[in-house]
Amino acid sequence: MLMWHAGALPAALLYAFATLSLLTVAAYAHDKRAAIAERRRTPEFTLHMLELLGGWPGALLAQRWLRHKNRKTSYQFAFWACVLLHDASLGHLWKQLSTAASH
């Protein structure tokens, strides 16, 4: 969000990340309900793709709020890898936008 305040990222991107976070919270809640009811679960790959695309803040909130996917070490490793990859990509985008704006 700091990048958005600095004017480097378009507001539309911020809204896209907020929307992805809401969708990610909904996906976690759906998966938690399915786990409790012993129904078909949301694939971890799907959850990780939502995180990687920008929904990781919602995933972090859902992990704490719903107490879901927060103890499984392998899942947490992949989750934090998604956060790092997303932030590195966003940092690269910011750098590209900053360079283009200065020319």
Protein backbone atom coordinates (compact mmCIF):
# COMPACT_ATOMS: atom_id res chain seq x y z
CA MET A 1 0.00 0.00 0.00
CA LEU A 2 2.94 2.30 0.53
CA MET A 3 3.62 2.13 -3.20
CA TRP A 4 0.05 3.21 -3.93
CA HIS A 5 0.38 6.21 -1.61
CA ALA A 6 3.62 7.13 -3.31
CA GLY A 7 1.71 7.26 -6.58
CA ALA A 8 3.69 4.46 -8.23
CA LEU A 9 0.84 1.98 -8.53
CA PRO A 10 -2.56 2.72 -10.01
CA ALA A 11 -5.54 2.73 -7.67
CA ALA A 12 -7.14 0.04 -9.83
CA LEU A 13 -4.38 -2.34 -8.78
CA LEU A 14 -5.08 -1.63 -5.13
CA TYR A 15 -8.77 -2.36 -5.70
CA ALA A 16 -7.87 -5.57 -7.53
CA PHE A 17 -5.76 -6.73 -4.57
CA ALA A 18 -8.57 -5.85 -2.13
CA THR A 19 -11.02 -7.84 -4.24
CA LEU A 20 -8.63 -10.80 -4.42
CA SER A 21 -8.20 -10.65 -0.64
CA LEU A 22 -11.98 -10.82 -0.16
CA LEU A 23 -12.22 -13.75 -2.58
CA THR A 24 -9.38 -15.48 -0.74
CA VAL A 25 -11.11 -15.07 2.63
CA ALA A 26 -14.26 -16.56 1.06
CA ALA A 27 -12.25 -19.48 -0.36
CA TYR A 28 -10.68 -20.18 3.05
CA ALA A 29 -14.10 -20.02 4.73
CA HIS A 30 -15.55 -22.40 2.14
CA ASP A 31 -12.64 -24.80 2.63
CA LYS A 32 -12.98 -24.64 6.42
CA ARG A 33 -16.71 -25.45 6.20
CA ALA A 34 -15.97 -28.31 3.80
CA ALA A 35 -13.32 -29.69 6.16
CA ILE A 36 -15.73 -29.65 9.09
CA ALA A 37 -18.51 -31.28 7.04
CA GLU A 38 -16.07 -33.77 5.50
CA ARG A 39 -16.98 -32.61 1.99
CA ARG A 40 -14.80 -32.00 -1.03
CA ARG A 41 -12.10 -29.45 -0.19
CA THR A 42 -10.66 -26.52 -2.09
CA PRO A 43 -7.33 -27.61 -3.58
CA GLU A 44 -4.33 -26.01 -1.87
CA PHE A 45 -3.07 -25.03 -5.33
CA THR A 46 -6.17 -22.84 -5.76
CA LEU A 47 -5.64 -21.15 -2.41
CA HIS A 48 -1.97 -20.54 -3.20
CA MET A 49 -2.77 -19.07 -6.61
CA LEU A 50 -5.20 -16.62 -4.99
CA GLU A 51 -2.46 -15.68 -2.51
CA LEU A 52 0.16 -15.28 -5.22
CA LEU A 53 -2.09 -13.10 -7.37
CA GLY A 54 -2.50 -10.63 -4.52
CA GLY A 55 -4.98 -12.13 -2.08
CA TRP A 56 -2.35 -12.99 0.52
CA PRO A 57 -3.48 -10.29 3.01
CA GLY A 58 -6.93 -11.89 3.00
CA ALA A 59 -5.36 -15.32 3.40
CA LEU A 60 -3.36 -14.14 6.40
CA LEU A 61 -6.49 -12.68 7.94
CA ALA A 62 -8.47 -15.88 7.25
CA GLN A 63 -5.72 -18.06 8.73
CA ARG A 64 -5.89 -16.11 11.98
CA TRP A 65 -9.61 -15.41 12.07
CA LEU A 66 -10.80 -18.87 11.01
CA ARG A 67 -7.82 -20.74 12.49
CA HIS A 68 -7.50 -22.55 9.19
CA LYS A 69 -4.31 -23.68 7.45
CA ASN A 70 -2.24 -22.02 10.15
CA ARG A 71 -0.61 -25.11 11.68
CA LYS A 72 0.33 -27.15 8.63
CA THR A 73 4.05 -26.47 8.16
CA SER A 74 4.18 -27.36 4.47
CA TYR A 75 1.22 -25.09 3.76
CA GLN A 76 2.75 -22.21 5.72
CA PHE A 77 6.02 -22.61 3.84
CA ALA A 78 4.20 -22.37 0.49
CA PHE A 79 2.05 -19.48 1.77
CA TRP A 80 5.07 -17.38 2.76
CA ALA A 81 6.78 -18.25 -0.53
CA CYS A 82 3.68 -16.87 -2.32
CA VAL A 83 3.87 -13.69 -0.23
CA LEU A 84 7.55 -13.21 -1.08
CA LEU A 85 7.02 -13.92 -4.78
CA HIS A 86 4.08 -11.54 -4.93
CA ASP A 87 5.95 -8.76 -3.16
CA ALA A 88 9.05 -9.28 -5.32
CA SER A 89 6.89 -9.05 -8.45
CA LEU A 90 5.17 -5.95 -7.15
CA GLY A 91 8.54 -4.41 -6.31
CA HIS A 92 9.74 -5.13 -9.83
CA LEU A 93 6.58 -3.52 -11.25
CA TRP A 94 7.10 -0.47 -9.04
CA LYS A 95 10.68 -0.16 -10.25
CA GLN A 96 9.58 -0.43 -13.89
CA LEU A 97 6.86 2.21 -13.39
CA SER A 98 9.26 4.51 -11.56
CA THR A 99 11.85 4.19 -14.31
CA ALA A 100 9.27 4.82 -17.03
CA ALA A 101 7.91 7.87 -15.18
CA SER A 102 11.35 9.43 -14.82
CA HIS A 103 12.03 9.33 -18.58
